Each structure stands twice: as structure tokens, then as C-alpha cells.
Protein backbone atom coordinates (compact mmCIF):
# COMPACT_ATOMS: atom_id res chain seq x y z
CA MET A 1 61.61 53.51 -3.57
CA LEU A 2 59.18 50.61 -3.69
CA ILE A 3 58.20 48.83 -0.53
CA LYS A 4 57.78 45.08 -0.78
CA PRO A 5 55.15 43.38 1.38
CA ASN A 6 56.59 41.25 4.13
CA THR A 7 55.77 37.67 3.06
CA SER A 8 57.77 34.61 3.74
CA ASN A 9 58.32 31.91 1.18
CA HIS A 10 56.35 29.22 3.05
CA GLU A 11 53.07 31.25 2.87
CA GLN A 12 52.99 31.57 -0.89
CA GLY A 13 50.10 29.53 -2.48
CA SER A 14 48.16 29.08 0.77
CA LEU A 15 45.21 30.99 -0.68
CA MET A 16 45.08 28.54 -3.58
CA VAL A 17 45.01 25.56 -1.17
CA MET A 18 42.19 27.14 0.83
CA ALA A 19 40.17 27.81 -2.33
CA VAL A 20 40.58 24.18 -3.40
CA MET A 21 39.50 22.98 0.08
CA VAL A 22 36.40 25.21 -0.01
CA MET A 23 35.53 23.98 -3.51
CA LEU A 24 35.97 20.37 -2.37
CA ALA A 25 33.65 20.96 0.60
CA VAL A 26 31.02 22.53 -1.68
CA VAL A 27 31.23 19.58 -4.10
CA ILE A 28 30.88 17.05 -1.26
CA LEU A 29 27.92 18.95 0.18
CA GLY A 30 26.24 19.21 -3.24
CA THR A 31 26.71 15.50 -3.88
CA ALA A 32 25.18 14.67 -0.49
CA ILE A 33 22.16 16.88 -1.15
CA ILE A 34 21.58 15.35 -4.58
CA SER A 35 21.88 11.85 -3.14
CA LEU A 36 19.46 12.69 -0.34
CA ALA A 37 16.94 14.13 -2.81
CA ALA A 38 17.11 10.99 -4.96
CA MET A 39 16.59 8.79 -1.91
CA GLU A 40 13.63 10.91 -0.78
CA LYS A 41 12.07 10.56 -4.23
CA LYS A 42 12.35 6.77 -4.06
CA ILE A 43 10.82 6.70 -0.58
CA SER A 44 7.87 8.88 -1.60
CA TYR A 45 7.32 6.78 -4.75
CA TYR A 46 7.31 3.57 -2.69
CA THR A 47 4.89 5.12 -0.16
CA TYR A 48 2.60 6.24 -2.99
CA ARG A 49 2.49 2.76 -4.51
CA LYS A 50 1.98 1.18 -1.10
CA LEU A 51 -1.01 3.47 -0.61
CA GLN A 52 -2.38 2.46 -4.02
CA ALA A 53 -2.11 -1.21 -3.01
CA GLN A 54 -3.83 -0.43 0.31
CA GLU A 55 -6.68 1.34 -1.47
CA ALA A 56 -7.05 -1.57 -3.89
CA ALA A 57 -7.30 -3.98 -0.94
CA ASP A 58 -9.90 -1.70 0.66
CA ALA A 59 -11.87 -1.70 -2.61
CA GLY A 60 -11.79 -5.49 -2.47
CA VAL A 61 -13.19 -5.40 1.07
CA GLU A 62 -16.05 -3.12 0.03
CA TRP A 63 -16.82 -5.29 -2.99
CA ALA A 64 -16.76 -8.48 -0.89
CA LEU A 65 -19.05 -7.00 1.75
CA GLU A 66 -21.58 -5.90 -0.84
CA GLN A 67 -21.48 -9.16 -2.79
CA THR A 68 -21.74 -11.30 0.34
CA LEU A 69 -24.67 -9.25 1.60
CA GLN A 70 -26.38 -9.68 -1.77
CA ASN A 71 -25.82 -13.46 -1.69
CA LEU A 72 -27.20 -13.66 1.84
CA ARG A 73 -30.26 -11.69 0.73
CA ASP A 74 -30.63 -14.27 -2.04
CA ASP A 75 -30.74 -16.95 0.72
CA ASP A 76 -27.39 -18.53 -0.12
CA PRO A 77 -25.17 -18.15 2.98
CA SER A 78 -22.73 -20.85 1.84
CA THR A 79 -21.28 -18.58 -0.83
CA GLY A 80 -19.16 -15.49 -0.78
CA PRO A 81 -18.99 -12.80 -3.45
CA ALA A 82 -20.42 -13.60 -6.84
CA GLY A 83 -21.37 -17.11 -5.71
CA THR A 84 -17.81 -18.27 -4.99
CA GLN A 85 -17.51 -21.04 -2.43
CA VAL A 86 -15.70 -20.31 0.82
CA GLY A 87 -11.99 -20.94 0.24
CA SER A 88 -12.03 -20.15 -3.47
CA THR A 89 -10.58 -17.14 -5.25
CA PRO A 90 -12.62 -15.18 -7.79
CA THR A 91 -10.91 -13.65 -10.79
CA PRO A 92 -8.89 -10.62 -9.64
CA VAL A 93 -10.36 -7.24 -10.50
CA LYS A 94 -7.67 -5.33 -12.38
CA TYR A 95 -7.43 -1.79 -13.67
CA ASN A 96 -4.61 0.32 -15.06
CA TYR A 97 -3.57 3.78 -13.98
CA GLN A 98 -0.82 5.46 -16.00
CA ASP A 99 1.98 2.85 -16.11
CA ASP A 100 0.82 0.92 -13.04
CA SER A 101 -1.42 -2.13 -12.92
CA ILE A 102 -3.52 -2.11 -9.79
CA TYR A 103 -5.69 -5.02 -8.79
CA TRP A 104 -7.28 -6.76 -5.87
CA GLU A 105 -8.44 -10.28 -5.19
CA ILE A 106 -10.49 -11.88 -2.44
CA VAL A 107 -9.84 -15.20 -0.72
CA TYR A 108 -12.50 -16.39 1.71
CA THR A 109 -11.17 -18.33 4.65
CA SER A 110 -14.28 -19.11 6.69
CA SER A 111 -18.01 -18.67 7.13
CA LYS A 112 -19.62 -19.24 10.50
CA PRO A 113 -23.33 -19.05 11.38
CA ILE A 114 -24.28 -17.33 14.63
CA ASP A 115 -27.73 -17.73 16.24
CA ASN A 116 -28.97 -19.67 13.17
CA SER A 117 -29.42 -16.45 11.18
CA ASP A 118 -26.43 -14.12 11.51
CA TYR A 119 -23.13 -14.98 9.82
CA ILE A 120 -19.50 -14.02 10.29
CA TYR A 121 -17.36 -14.20 7.17
CA THR A 122 -13.59 -13.98 7.38
CA PHE A 123 -11.67 -13.24 4.21
CA LYS A 124 -8.45 -11.82 2.87
CA SER A 125 -8.32 -8.98 0.41
CA LYS A 126 -5.01 -8.54 -1.37
CA GLY A 127 -4.35 -5.31 -3.23
CA THR A 128 -1.38 -5.12 -5.57
CA CYS A 129 0.26 -2.29 -7.44
CA GLU A 130 2.84 -3.30 -10.02
CA ARG A 131 4.88 -1.72 -12.75
CA GLY A 132 6.32 -4.05 -15.33
CA THR A 133 7.40 -7.44 -14.03
CA THR A 134 9.90 -6.39 -11.39
CA GLN A 135 8.27 -3.70 -9.25
CA ARG A 136 5.39 -5.12 -7.21
CA ILE A 137 3.96 -3.89 -3.91
CA SER A 138 1.12 -5.72 -2.16
CA ARG A 139 -1.01 -5.16 0.91
CA THR A 140 -3.13 -7.92 2.39
CA LEU A 141 -6.03 -7.29 4.74
CA LEU A 142 -7.61 -9.91 6.98
CA VAL A 143 -11.19 -8.87 7.61
CA SER A 144 -14.07 -10.36 9.58
CA ALA A 145 -17.56 -9.07 8.97
CA LEU A 146 -20.82 -9.73 10.75
CA PHE A 147 -23.89 -10.00 8.57
CA ILE A 148 -27.04 -9.34 10.61
CA TYR A 149 -30.48 -10.76 9.83
CA ASP A 150 -33.44 -8.46 10.48
CA THR A 151 -36.42 -10.48 11.64
CA LYS A 152 -38.86 -7.66 10.79
CA THR A 153 -37.96 -7.41 7.13
CA GLN A 154 -36.66 -10.98 6.99
CA LYS A 155 -33.57 -9.83 5.10
CA TYR A 156 -29.90 -9.38 5.82
CA ILE A 157 -29.52 -5.68 6.43
CA THR A 158 -25.85 -5.02 6.97
CA GLY A 159 -22.33 -6.29 6.64
CA ARG A 160 -20.44 -4.71 9.52
CA ILE A 161 -16.68 -5.13 9.80
CA THR A 162 -15.77 -6.58 13.20
CA SER A 163 -12.01 -6.85 12.68
CA TYR A 164 -9.66 -5.25 10.18
CA GLU A 165 -6.01 -6.19 10.20
CA ILE A 166 -3.12 -5.51 7.84
CA VAL A 167 -1.24 -8.79 7.42
CA PRO A 168 2.46 -8.28 8.25
CA GLY A 169 5.09 -8.87 5.62
CA ASN A 170 3.45 -6.95 2.79
């Protein structure tokens, strides 16, 4: 004599429903993880490019400080880097890295003599990282630098940054 298990008709197929529910939960969880990973990749890529733009702007600052110091040593305090007049923009310095174009440009906003020999220059350095024509990230720095005249050597000896500010909205 065979003994039949005691199952009622309304419990048949419940294991199949549970398996489908578990599979659905796994699919939803997998989709969420993939979506999160893709979003994280975009965020890290944007942060990387923003850092490249920041470094390009910093390179512009260093270049401007050196060029301005050289012009002051050449006894021409009315000019900024490479002889550009205050308020003008020199040709942007551009270089390529992999598929990105990275460049910086300087815009002088003011030059002010202090004590008839020292000068404060204020300028903007804009660094840009772009890929193609649609993806562009820029950082703009507003920098003031004090150029000090040494009476012993009768030369300008340093270009010291007195304020360094990242312009909002970049």
C-alpha cells in the first residue's frame, strides 16, 4: 500500500511562485548594481577631467607668474606675460592627451603699483579639458600676486601669490 503525502490542492505550484519571486528580486538587484556602477564611472570620469582642467589652470598661473616676473625684470611693469597689455588675452596654450584637448589661457584684469616699486597683478587663469565639441569642463582661478623689488640687487625677485580663488560656476 502506497501512502500519499498530505497536500491540499491550493498549495500546489507555490514553490514555482517563490522561485519566480526570488529570480525577480535577483534581477532587480543586479540591475541596480549595474546602474550604480555605470553612474560611479561617470562621476569618476567627470572628477578626473575636472582635475585636469584645474591642473591646466594652475599651469597657467605658474606661467603667468614667471612671465610677469621676467617682464618686470626687463623694466616693463605695464605688461603681463609675454608683453601682453593688462586686459588682453594671449593665445591659449593647448596640448593634447589621449582623446582630450587640455588648454589654459590668461586674462589680466589689473596691475597696481605699491610703494613705487612693488606691483600687484590680478589675473584669471582658465583651464579647460574638452573631448570633441560637446564635452567641456573648465576651471577658472582668480589670482593676485605680489611682485617684490629688491633694492640691493635692483631686480624683482619674486612673484608671491597673495590670493588664490576658484571662481564659482565652473
